[in-house]
Amino acid sequence: MFNLSAVLFAFVLLALLLLGGRYLKEKIRLFQRLYLPASVVAGVLGLLLGPEVLGAIATSLTGEDSWLAGGLFTEDIRTVWSQSPGVFINIVFAALFLGETIPPPRDIWRKAAPQVVFGQTLAWGQYVVGILATLLVLAPLFGTNPIAACLIEIGFEGGHGTAGGMADTLNELGYADGADLAIGLATVGIVSGIVLGTALADWGRRKGHVSSVNRHVTEPDEIPDLNVIAETPEVRRRRARLLQNLLIDPLSINFAIVGMAIAIGWLILEGLKWVESVTWGGEDGFVVLQFVPLFPVALIGGIITQVILNRLGLSALVIRPMIQNIAGVALDVVIVAAIASISLRVIGGNLSVFLILSVVGVLWNVLIFLWWAPRIFPNYWFEKGIGDMGQSMGVTATGILLLRMVDPDNSTGAFEGFAYKQLFFEPIVGGGLFTAASPVLVSQFGLLPVLALTGGLLAFWLLVGYFLIRQSRHRPSATQV
């Protein structure tokens, strides 16, 4: 147990680590070349100063009674950090679609169908190769927990936030090592995504696959907001009228809106859990929702909250840049706390498993990019494919970074397709509902049924892709986005 003072100082120290991470990024050119987020650098700094590195060194030199045995951080601080990712990831997902208009699914499909197919192929394939690697190598040779088959998608496609948010679920399912391995895989994914993506971008230019000229590359912060509710003078006047005489800061209002989204998500999840408990999940029944974390349902809560605000004429209260800042702070907390809490002993004890999953995941993403992207995209395949490849190995920002490397002026329309794809993508995989449920499905049914499910979905998206390819050949003059 810890008190509120411990929570305060835990976040003060976390803020100092972020400042330290930003300083190191400014001073170390390698970090700049890799475009590593300052939060990742800060998390590694916290890991080095904690019990896993500094504490282990101090213990080996002066014994277990060393005052540095726990590193520079007390047990209370480390406990707060270890619990933070599972809490703050809810804020990130709840804010994802707040302040945005959601186009009709038909419009999204018309504008981004190849992008949706390519992203879904990458995601479902990560499950397929992970399950095959576990069935054929990890389980027979190392006795690995079958849930390890899900870690490539959780760590690569989901990123640090999802990996940290899934820790409690993995613990409840009896695979405590999985949380550390997933966070480690997320780190491997983001570094390899940037390094290999940069190398592929250089190769694409030399081979003539890149149509645009790289003039300027900036570090990405978030996905382009293509459907943000317009900040017109009328919207600002409506907001001023709504806030008149309330004596409340707009930041507080927007934070409350995020809280409303999380609350709606929690009510939905609790309701689904109750339905499960009185139906198929009764005594000795099949239970899934009891293990599903809140954050993917909080995303749905955010969409419902936005619809409610629109219907009530209160949408002007949502300030999208402010919502993004709230989500950005929460994501920094998730990443720093998750990396700083990694158990290197666990990764060391599962090193073979960790390396095999890393190699399999990287190979799948790169090979599918080189094979499937030239076929599924009727034009500008390199620009449109490399963003999804980057996202599938790290985070959304990695994908945007690689997009900007090869198409800095958005002359190919790749940004639009990449952004619209998220509306079909995020609620399901990459931290969505299936990502959250996949360890439970493996635990309940085993690897072969989940392989049949994910393999079937992979085959489905490949077939949809071939349908789009044939359609584009029959209509070569159709406008492609």
Protein backbone atom coordinates (compact mmCIF):
# COMPACT_ATOMS: atom_id res chain seq x y z
CA MET A 1 0.00 0.00 0.00
CA PHE A 2 1.07 3.60 -0.54
CA ASN A 3 -0.27 6.99 0.45
CA LEU A 4 -1.09 10.08 -1.58
CA SER A 5 2.29 11.65 -0.87
CA ALA A 6 3.99 8.67 -2.49
CA VAL A 7 1.78 9.17 -5.56
CA LEU A 8 2.73 12.85 -5.72
CA PHE A 9 6.46 12.20 -5.51
CA ALA A 10 6.19 9.29 -7.94
CA PHE A 11 4.84 11.64 -10.59
CA VAL A 12 7.29 14.40 -9.65
CA LEU A 13 10.13 11.96 -10.25
CA LEU A 14 8.49 10.79 -13.45
CA ALA A 15 8.33 14.41 -14.64
CA LEU A 16 12.02 14.84 -13.82
CA LEU A 17 12.80 11.70 -15.81
CA LEU A 18 10.93 13.20 -18.76
CA LEU A 19 13.03 16.35 -18.52
CA GLY A 20 16.14 14.21 -18.30
CA GLY A 21 15.02 12.20 -21.31
CA ARG A 22 14.43 15.36 -23.31
CA TYR A 23 17.87 16.69 -22.32
CA LEU A 24 19.61 13.46 -23.30
CA LYS A 25 17.79 13.46 -26.62
CA GLU A 26 19.04 17.00 -27.32
CA LYS A 27 22.61 16.08 -26.43
CA ILE A 28 22.98 12.59 -27.94
CA ARG A 29 22.86 12.62 -31.73
CA LEU A 30 22.07 8.91 -31.97
CA PHE A 31 18.75 9.48 -30.20
CA GLN A 32 17.98 12.29 -32.65
CA ARG A 33 18.81 10.14 -35.66
CA LEU A 34 16.57 7.37 -34.38
CA TYR A 35 13.76 9.88 -33.67
CA LEU A 36 13.19 8.18 -30.33
CA PRO A 37 10.43 9.84 -28.32
CA ALA A 38 11.71 11.60 -25.21
CA SER A 39 9.36 9.42 -23.16
CA VAL A 40 11.15 6.27 -24.33
CA VAL A 41 14.54 7.78 -23.43
CA ALA A 42 13.12 8.83 -20.05
CA GLY A 43 11.77 5.33 -19.41
CA VAL A 44 15.15 3.76 -20.17
CA LEU A 45 16.79 6.33 -17.86
CA GLY A 46 14.37 5.32 -15.08
CA LEU A 47 15.15 1.66 -15.75
CA LEU A 48 18.90 2.31 -15.47
CA LEU A 49 18.49 4.22 -12.20
CA GLY A 50 16.17 1.63 -10.68
CA PRO A 51 16.76 -1.72 -8.95
CA GLU A 52 17.26 -3.65 -12.21
CA VAL A 53 20.51 -1.87 -13.14
CA LEU A 54 21.83 0.60 -10.56
CA GLY A 55 20.42 -1.48 -7.69
CA ALA A 56 21.87 -4.69 -9.09
CA ILE A 57 25.30 -3.07 -9.49
CA ALA A 58 25.20 -1.67 -5.95
CA THR A 59 24.12 -5.03 -4.53
CA SER A 60 26.90 -6.88 -6.31
CA LEU A 61 29.51 -4.43 -5.00
CA THR A 62 28.37 -3.80 -1.43
CA GLY A 63 25.85 -6.53 -0.67
CA GLU A 64 22.09 -6.66 -0.27
CA ASP A 65 22.17 -4.15 2.58
CA SER A 66 23.33 -1.38 0.24
CA TRP A 67 21.19 1.77 0.45
CA LEU A 68 21.11 1.70 -3.36
CA ALA A 69 19.76 -1.85 -3.54
CA GLY A 70 16.47 -0.47 -4.86
CA GLY A 71 18.14 2.09 -7.10
CA LEU A 72 17.27 5.74 -6.59
CA PHE A 73 13.57 5.02 -6.13
CA THR A 74 11.76 3.70 -3.08
CA GLU A 75 9.46 0.70 -3.21
CA ASP A 76 6.40 2.96 -2.92
CA ILE A 77 7.51 4.95 -5.96
CA ARG A 78 8.08 1.80 -7.99
CA THR A 79 4.68 0.43 -6.94
CA VAL A 80 2.93 3.59 -8.17
CA TRP A 81 4.80 3.39 -11.46
CA SER A 82 3.99 -0.29 -11.98
CA GLN A 83 0.26 0.44 -11.58
CA SER A 84 0.21 3.64 -13.66
CA PRO A 85 0.20 2.20 -17.21
CA GLY A 86 -3.01 0.26 -16.67
CA VAL A 87 -4.72 3.42 -15.37
CA PHE A 88 -3.47 6.15 -17.71
CA ILE A 89 -3.90 4.12 -20.90
CA ASN A 90 -7.66 4.57 -20.38
CA ILE A 91 -7.23 8.35 -20.81
CA VAL A 92 -5.29 7.84 -24.05
CA PHE A 93 -7.96 5.66 -25.64
CA ALA A 94 -10.92 7.66 -24.32
CA ALA A 95 -9.53 10.79 -25.98
CA LEU A 96 -8.79 9.17 -29.32
CA PHE A 97 -11.92 10.34 -31.17
CA LEU A 98 -13.09 13.19 -28.93
CA GLY A 99 -13.42 16.41 -30.92
CA GLU A 100 -13.56 14.62 -34.26
CA THR A 101 -16.38 13.94 -36.65
CA ILE A 102 -16.72 10.30 -37.63
CA PRO A 103 -17.45 9.95 -41.36
CA PRO A 104 -19.89 7.24 -42.52
CA PRO A 105 -18.15 3.86 -42.92
CA ARG A 106 -18.92 3.90 -46.66
CA ASP A 107 -17.01 7.16 -47.10
CA ILE A 108 -14.05 5.84 -45.13
CA TRP A 109 -13.97 2.66 -47.22
CA ARG A 110 -14.18 4.60 -50.47
CA LYS A 111 -11.26 6.82 -49.50
CA ALA A 112 -9.01 4.29 -47.78
CA ALA A 113 -9.97 0.73 -48.77
CA PRO A 114 -6.44 -0.42 -49.78
CA GLN A 115 -5.02 1.17 -46.63
CA VAL A 116 -7.55 -0.64 -44.45
CA VAL A 117 -6.77 -3.96 -46.14
CA PHE A 118 -3.01 -3.50 -45.80
CA GLY A 119 -3.21 -2.52 -42.12
CA GLN A 120 -5.53 -5.40 -41.26
CA THR A 121 -3.26 -7.85 -43.11
CA LEU A 122 -0.27 -6.74 -41.07
CA ALA A 123 -2.17 -6.97 -37.77
CA TRP A 124 -3.82 -10.38 -38.23
CA GLY A 125 -0.62 -11.78 -39.66
CA GLN A 126 1.22 -10.87 -36.47
CA TYR A 127 -1.12 -13.22 -34.62
CA VAL A 128 -0.69 -15.97 -37.20
CA VAL A 129 3.13 -15.90 -37.19
CA GLY A 130 3.17 -15.54 -33.41
CA ILE A 131 0.95 -18.58 -32.95
CA LEU A 132 2.94 -20.62 -35.47
CA ALA A 133 6.22 -19.68 -33.78
CA THR A 134 4.77 -20.69 -30.41
CA LEU A 135 3.32 -23.97 -31.67
CA LEU A 136 6.39 -25.03 -33.64
CA VAL A 137 9.28 -23.62 -31.61
CA LEU A 138 8.56 -21.83 -28.32
CA ALA A 139 6.22 -24.36 -26.69
CA PRO A 140 8.06 -27.57 -27.71
CA LEU A 141 11.58 -26.30 -27.05
CA PHE A 142 11.14 -23.86 -24.16
CA GLY A 143 7.79 -24.79 -22.61
CA THR A 144 6.57 -21.23 -23.18
CA ASN A 145 3.12 -20.16 -22.05
CA PRO A 146 0.78 -20.24 -25.10
CA ILE A 147 -0.22 -16.61 -24.44
CA ALA A 148 3.24 -15.63 -25.74
CA ALA A 149 1.71 -16.05 -29.21
CA CYS A 150 -0.18 -12.77 -28.68
CA LEU A 151 2.82 -10.70 -27.62
CA ILE A 152 3.97 -9.68 -31.12
CA GLU A 153 0.67 -7.91 -31.83
CA ILE A 154 0.40 -6.51 -28.30
CA GLY A 155 3.95 -5.13 -28.30
CA PHE A 156 4.46 -4.24 -31.98
CA GLU A 157 1.02 -3.18 -33.21
CA GLY A 158 -0.17 -2.03 -29.80
CA GLY A 159 3.01 -0.29 -28.67
CA HIS A 160 4.17 0.61 -25.16
CA GLY A 161 0.78 1.94 -24.11
CA THR A 162 -1.11 -1.23 -24.93
CA ALA A 163 1.65 -3.44 -23.55
CA GLY A 164 1.59 -1.54 -20.26
CA GLY A 165 -2.20 -1.53 -20.16
CA MET A 166 -2.36 -5.30 -20.66
CA ALA A 167 -0.11 -6.08 -17.68
CA ASP A 168 -2.97 -6.73 -15.26
CA THR A 169 -4.75 -9.01 -17.71
CA LEU A 170 -1.59 -11.05 -18.33
CA ASN A 171 -1.02 -11.32 -14.59
CA GLU A 172 -4.57 -12.51 -13.98
CA LEU A 173 -4.16 -15.16 -16.67
CA GLY A 174 -1.06 -16.52 -14.97
CA TYR A 175 1.52 -15.13 -17.40
CA ALA A 176 3.21 -12.40 -15.36
CA ASP A 177 6.37 -12.58 -17.50
CA GLY A 178 4.31 -11.61 -20.53
CA ALA A 179 3.96 -7.99 -19.42
CA ASP A 180 7.73 -7.41 -19.32
CA LEU A 181 8.23 -9.28 -22.60
CA ALA A 182 5.49 -7.22 -24.30
CA ILE A 183 7.04 -3.93 -23.19
CA GLY A 184 10.45 -5.18 -24.31
CA LEU A 185 8.99 -6.13 -27.69
CA ALA A 186 7.42 -2.67 -27.99
CA THR A 187 10.86 -1.14 -27.49
CA VAL A 188 12.40 -3.48 -30.09
CA GLY A 189 9.55 -2.65 -32.45
CA ILE A 190 9.88 1.11 -32.29
CA VAL A 191 13.68 1.06 -32.68
CA SER A 192 13.69 -1.52 -35.49
CA GLY A 193 10.77 0.22 -37.17
CA ILE A 194 12.65 3.51 -37.35
CA VAL A 195 16.01 1.96 -38.30
CA LEU A 196 14.64 -0.44 -40.93
CA GLY A 197 12.10 2.12 -42.15
CA THR A 198 14.85 4.68 -42.71
CA ALA A 199 16.96 2.08 -44.55
CA LEU A 200 13.96 1.07 -46.69
CA ALA A 201 13.23 4.73 -47.48
CA ASP A 202 16.80 5.14 -48.74
CA TRP A 203 16.48 1.93 -50.78
CA GLY A 204 13.15 3.10 -52.20
CA ARG A 205 14.66 6.38 -53.39
CA ARG A 206 17.58 4.63 -55.06
CA LYS A 207 15.28 2.14 -56.79
CA GLY A 208 12.84 4.82 -57.93
CA HIS A 209 9.93 3.62 -55.79
CA VAL A 210 9.59 6.98 -53.98
CA SER A 211 7.84 9.61 -56.08
CA SER A 212 8.40 12.67 -53.87
CA VAL A 213 11.62 14.39 -52.89
CA ASN A 214 12.65 14.44 -49.23
CA ARG A 215 13.14 18.11 -48.37
CA HIS A 216 12.25 18.29 -44.71
CA VAL A 217 11.46 15.74 -42.02
CA THR A 218 9.98 16.74 -38.70
CA GLU A 219 9.38 14.62 -35.65
CA PRO A 220 5.75 13.48 -35.51
CA ASP A 221 3.53 13.99 -32.50
CA GLU A 222 0.26 12.48 -33.58
CA ILE A 223 -1.82 11.30 -36.48
CA PRO A 224 -3.12 14.10 -38.74
CA ASP A 225 -6.56 15.27 -37.64
CA LEU A 226 -8.52 15.16 -40.86
CA ASN A 227 -11.97 15.33 -39.29
CA VAL A 228 -11.47 17.70 -36.39
CA ILE A 229 -14.53 19.80 -35.64
CA ALA A 230 -13.67 23.10 -37.33
CA GLU A 231 -12.51 25.88 -35.02
CA THR A 232 -14.57 28.57 -36.75
CA PRO A 233 -15.40 31.92 -35.11
CA GLU A 234 -18.94 30.60 -34.62
CA VAL A 235 -17.64 27.57 -32.68
CA ARG A 236 -15.54 29.85 -30.48
CA ARG A 237 -18.55 32.11 -29.83
CA ARG A 238 -20.67 29.09 -28.89
CA ARG A 239 -17.94 27.91 -26.53
CA ALA A 240 -17.72 31.35 -24.91
CA ARG A 241 -21.49 31.36 -24.34
CA LEU A 242 -21.40 27.86 -22.84
CA LEU A 243 -18.56 28.75 -20.47
CA GLN A 244 -19.97 32.14 -19.49
CA ASN A 245 -20.29 32.57 -15.71
CA LEU A 246 -19.24 28.96 -15.07
CA LEU A 247 -15.92 30.06 -13.52
CA ILE A 248 -14.22 26.92 -14.70
CA ASP A 249 -11.09 26.52 -16.76
CA PRO A 250 -11.57 24.99 -20.26
CA LEU A 251 -8.88 22.45 -19.39
CA SER A 252 -11.01 21.24 -16.48
CA ILE A 253 -14.04 20.96 -18.78
CA ASN A 254 -12.11 18.92 -21.31
CA PHE A 255 -10.61 16.72 -18.64
CA ALA A 256 -14.14 16.14 -17.33
CA ILE A 257 -15.27 15.17 -20.83
CA VAL A 258 -12.46 12.60 -21.00
CA GLY A 259 -13.59 11.37 -17.58
CA MET A 260 -17.16 11.06 -18.90
CA ALA A 261 -15.89 8.93 -21.79
CA ILE A 262 -14.05 6.62 -19.39
CA ALA A 263 -17.12 6.39 -17.14
CA ILE A 264 -19.34 5.42 -20.08
CA GLY A 265 -16.79 2.83 -21.14
CA TRP A 266 -16.69 1.45 -17.60
CA LEU A 267 -20.50 1.20 -17.46
CA ILE A 268 -20.55 -0.63 -20.80
CA LEU A 269 -17.85 -3.06 -19.69
CA GLU A 270 -19.50 -3.71 -16.33
CA GLY A 271 -22.82 -4.28 -18.08
CA LEU A 272 -21.23 -6.75 -20.49
CA LYS A 273 -19.55 -8.52 -17.59
CA TRP A 274 -22.91 -8.86 -15.82
CA VAL A 275 -24.55 -10.25 -18.97
CA GLU A 276 -21.70 -12.72 -19.31
CA SER A 277 -21.98 -13.80 -15.68
CA VAL A 278 -25.70 -14.64 -15.98
CA THR A 279 -25.51 -16.28 -19.42
CA TRP A 280 -22.62 -18.11 -21.07
CA GLY A 281 -20.14 -17.23 -18.34
CA GLY A 282 -22.05 -18.80 -15.46
CA GLU A 283 -20.65 -21.55 -13.28
CA ASP A 284 -17.89 -23.36 -15.20
CA GLY A 285 -18.84 -21.35 -18.28
CA PHE A 286 -16.73 -19.56 -20.87
CA VAL A 287 -15.43 -16.26 -19.47
CA VAL A 288 -13.77 -13.57 -21.59
CA LEU A 289 -15.04 -10.16 -20.54
CA GLN A 290 -13.90 -10.59 -16.93
CA PHE A 291 -10.32 -10.32 -18.20
CA VAL A 292 -10.81 -7.54 -20.78
CA PRO A 293 -9.22 -4.28 -19.59
CA LEU A 294 -11.11 -1.00 -19.69
CA PHE A 295 -9.10 0.91 -22.29
CA PRO A 296 -10.56 -0.52 -25.56
CA VAL A 297 -14.08 0.03 -24.22
CA ALA A 298 -13.08 3.55 -23.13
CA LEU A 299 -12.44 4.25 -26.82
CA ILE A 300 -16.06 3.33 -27.54
CA GLY A 301 -17.06 5.51 -24.59
CA GLY A 302 -15.25 8.41 -26.25
CA ILE A 303 -17.19 7.96 -29.48
CA ILE A 304 -20.49 7.79 -27.55
CA THR A 305 -19.54 10.88 -25.53
CA GLN A 306 -18.86 12.84 -28.73
CA VAL A 307 -22.22 11.77 -30.19
CA ILE A 308 -24.00 12.86 -26.98
CA LEU A 309 -22.26 16.25 -27.01
CA ASN A 310 -23.20 16.73 -30.66
CA ARG A 311 -26.84 15.88 -29.99
CA LEU A 312 -26.99 18.27 -27.01
CA GLY A 313 -25.33 21.11 -28.92
CA LEU A 314 -22.31 21.03 -26.59
CA SER A 315 -19.64 19.89 -29.04
CA ALA A 316 -18.02 23.34 -28.93
CA LEU A 317 -16.83 22.54 -25.39
CA VAL A 318 -14.38 20.02 -26.81
CA ILE A 319 -11.08 21.68 -27.72
CA ARG A 320 -9.24 19.08 -29.78
CA PRO A 321 -5.68 20.41 -29.18
CA MET A 322 -6.40 20.40 -25.45
CA ILE A 323 -7.77 16.84 -25.62
CA GLN A 324 -4.60 15.83 -27.46
CA ASN A 325 -2.47 17.46 -24.75
CA ILE A 326 -4.34 15.53 -22.04
CA ALA A 327 -3.87 12.28 -23.96
CA GLY A 328 -0.23 13.16 -24.65
CA VAL A 329 0.56 13.62 -20.97
CA ALA A 330 -1.19 10.33 -20.15
CA LEU A 331 0.73 8.50 -22.89
CA ASP A 332 4.04 9.88 -21.60
CA VAL A 333 3.16 8.57 -18.14
CA VAL A 334 2.30 5.16 -19.59
CA ILE A 335 5.53 4.86 -21.59
CA VAL A 336 7.92 6.14 -18.92
CA ALA A 337 6.34 4.13 -16.11
CA ALA A 338 6.08 0.96 -18.21
CA ILE A 339 9.70 0.99 -19.38
CA ALA A 340 11.05 2.02 -15.98
CA SER A 341 9.19 -0.93 -14.42
CA ILE A 342 10.49 -3.61 -16.81
CA SER A 343 12.08 -6.60 -15.13
CA LEU A 344 15.32 -7.28 -16.99
CA ARG A 345 15.59 -10.53 -15.04
CA VAL A 346 12.37 -11.72 -16.65
CA ILE A 347 13.58 -10.83 -20.15
CA GLY A 348 16.94 -12.44 -19.42
CA GLY A 349 15.22 -15.57 -18.21
CA ASN A 350 13.14 -15.67 -21.42
CA LEU A 351 15.81 -14.35 -23.77
CA SER A 352 15.37 -17.03 -26.43
CA VAL A 353 11.61 -16.48 -26.48
CA PHE A 354 12.11 -12.72 -26.63
CA LEU A 355 14.60 -12.89 -29.52
CA ILE A 356 12.52 -15.34 -31.55
CA LEU A 357 9.36 -13.26 -31.22
CA SER A 358 11.31 -10.10 -32.11
CA VAL A 359 12.83 -11.62 -35.26
CA VAL A 360 9.57 -13.23 -36.39
CA GLY A 361 7.63 -10.01 -35.88
CA VAL A 362 10.15 -7.83 -37.72
CA LEU A 363 10.45 -10.25 -40.65
CA TRP A 364 6.68 -10.46 -41.07
CA ASN A 365 6.24 -6.69 -41.18
CA VAL A 366 9.09 -6.03 -43.60
CA LEU A 367 8.35 -8.91 -45.96
CA ILE A 368 4.63 -8.13 -46.16
CA PHE A 369 5.49 -4.50 -46.92
CA LEU A 370 7.79 -5.52 -49.78
CA TRP A 371 5.39 -8.17 -51.18
CA TRP A 372 1.83 -6.94 -50.50
CA ALA A 373 2.13 -3.14 -50.68
CA PRO A 374 3.18 -3.03 -54.40
CA ARG A 375 0.14 -5.18 -55.22
CA ILE A 376 -2.61 -3.70 -53.04
CA PHE A 377 -1.89 -0.02 -53.73
CA PRO A 378 -2.63 0.98 -57.34
CA ASN A 379 -0.27 3.94 -57.08
CA TYR A 380 2.37 5.34 -54.69
CA TRP A 381 2.68 1.93 -53.05
CA PHE A 382 5.87 2.78 -51.19
CA GLU A 383 4.57 5.95 -49.57
CA LYS A 384 1.21 4.42 -48.67
CA GLY A 385 2.68 1.17 -47.36
CA ILE A 386 5.62 2.38 -45.30
CA GLY A 387 3.43 4.32 -42.86
CA ASP A 388 1.47 1.20 -41.94
CA MET A 389 4.66 -0.82 -41.68
CA GLY A 390 6.05 1.76 -39.24
CA GLN A 391 2.88 1.76 -37.17
CA SER A 392 2.84 -2.04 -37.07
CA MET A 393 6.33 -2.04 -35.53
CA GLY A 394 6.02 0.77 -33.03
CA VAL A 395 3.43 3.48 -32.63
CA THR A 396 1.35 5.70 -34.88
CA ALA A 397 4.01 8.39 -34.66
CA THR A 398 6.57 5.98 -36.15
CA GLY A 399 4.34 5.47 -39.16
CA ILE A 400 3.90 9.22 -39.62
CA LEU A 401 7.64 9.77 -39.31
CA LEU A 402 8.35 7.29 -42.12
CA LEU A 403 5.57 8.83 -44.21
CA ARG A 404 7.16 12.25 -43.82
CA MET A 405 10.53 10.86 -44.84
CA VAL A 406 9.21 9.77 -48.23
CA ASP A 407 6.32 12.22 -48.74
CA PRO A 408 6.97 15.43 -46.75
CA ASP A 409 4.39 17.49 -48.67
CA ASN A 410 1.65 14.84 -48.74
CA SER A 411 1.67 14.93 -52.52
CA THR A 412 0.57 11.28 -52.77
CA GLY A 413 -2.47 11.37 -50.48
CA ALA A 414 -0.89 8.77 -48.19
CA PHE A 415 -1.64 10.78 -45.04
CA GLU A 416 -5.38 10.78 -45.72
CA GLY A 417 -5.55 7.03 -46.24
CA PHE A 418 -3.41 6.43 -43.17
CA ALA A 419 -5.64 8.62 -41.01
CA TYR A 420 -8.97 7.28 -42.25
CA LYS A 421 -7.75 3.71 -41.78
CA GLN A 422 -7.50 4.25 -38.02
CA LEU A 423 -11.29 4.45 -37.74
CA PHE A 424 -11.56 0.87 -39.04
CA PHE A 425 -8.45 -0.23 -37.20
CA GLU A 426 -8.13 1.09 -33.64
CA PRO A 427 -11.40 -0.26 -32.20
CA ILE A 428 -10.39 -3.84 -33.10
CA VAL A 429 -6.61 -4.38 -33.21
CA GLY A 430 -3.57 -2.31 -32.28
CA GLY A 431 -4.92 -1.99 -28.75
CA GLY A 432 -8.58 -2.55 -29.58
CA LEU A 433 -11.07 -5.14 -28.43
CA PHE A 434 -9.44 -8.16 -30.05
CA THR A 435 -6.01 -7.16 -28.74
CA ALA A 436 -7.46 -7.09 -25.23
CA ALA A 437 -9.36 -10.36 -25.66
CA SER A 438 -6.70 -12.40 -27.48
CA PRO A 439 -4.80 -13.63 -24.38
CA VAL A 440 -8.12 -14.71 -22.86
CA LEU A 441 -9.11 -16.56 -26.03
CA VAL A 442 -5.78 -18.40 -26.10
CA SER A 443 -6.10 -19.24 -22.41
CA GLN A 444 -9.67 -20.49 -22.79
CA PHE A 445 -9.57 -22.28 -26.18
CA GLY A 446 -5.91 -22.93 -26.92
CA LEU A 447 -3.71 -21.96 -29.85
CA LEU A 448 -5.26 -23.98 -32.67
CA PRO A 449 -8.78 -22.44 -32.52
CA VAL A 450 -7.30 -18.94 -32.26
CA LEU A 451 -5.00 -19.77 -35.18
CA ALA A 452 -8.05 -20.82 -37.19
CA LEU A 453 -9.81 -17.55 -36.30
CA THR A 454 -6.89 -15.20 -36.99
CA GLY A 455 -5.78 -17.21 -40.03
CA GLY A 456 -9.31 -17.00 -41.40
CA LEU A 457 -9.38 -13.23 -40.87
CA LEU A 458 -5.96 -12.89 -42.53
CA ALA A 459 -7.23 -14.91 -45.52
CA PHE A 460 -10.38 -12.77 -45.62
CA TRP A 461 -8.43 -9.52 -45.87
CA LEU A 462 -6.10 -10.99 -48.48
CA LEU A 463 -9.15 -11.97 -50.55
CA VAL A 464 -10.63 -8.50 -50.14
CA GLY A 465 -7.29 -7.13 -51.28
CA TYR A 466 -7.29 -9.27 -54.41
CA PHE A 467 -10.85 -8.11 -55.13
CA LEU A 468 -9.69 -4.49 -54.92
CA ILE A 469 -6.73 -5.27 -57.19
CA ARG A 470 -9.02 -6.76 -59.84
CA GLN A 471 -11.44 -3.85 -59.46
CA SER A 472 -8.68 -1.28 -59.98
CA ARG A 473 -7.45 -3.13 -63.09
CA HIS A 474 -10.92 -3.09 -64.60
CA ARG A 475 -11.32 0.59 -63.80
CA PRO A 476 -7.87 2.12 -64.37
CA SER A 477 -9.25 5.62 -64.62
CA ALA A 478 -10.89 5.56 -61.16
CA THR A 479 -9.65 8.11 -58.75
CA GLN A 480 -7.44 6.56 -56.12
CA VAL A 481 -6.86 8.20 -52.75
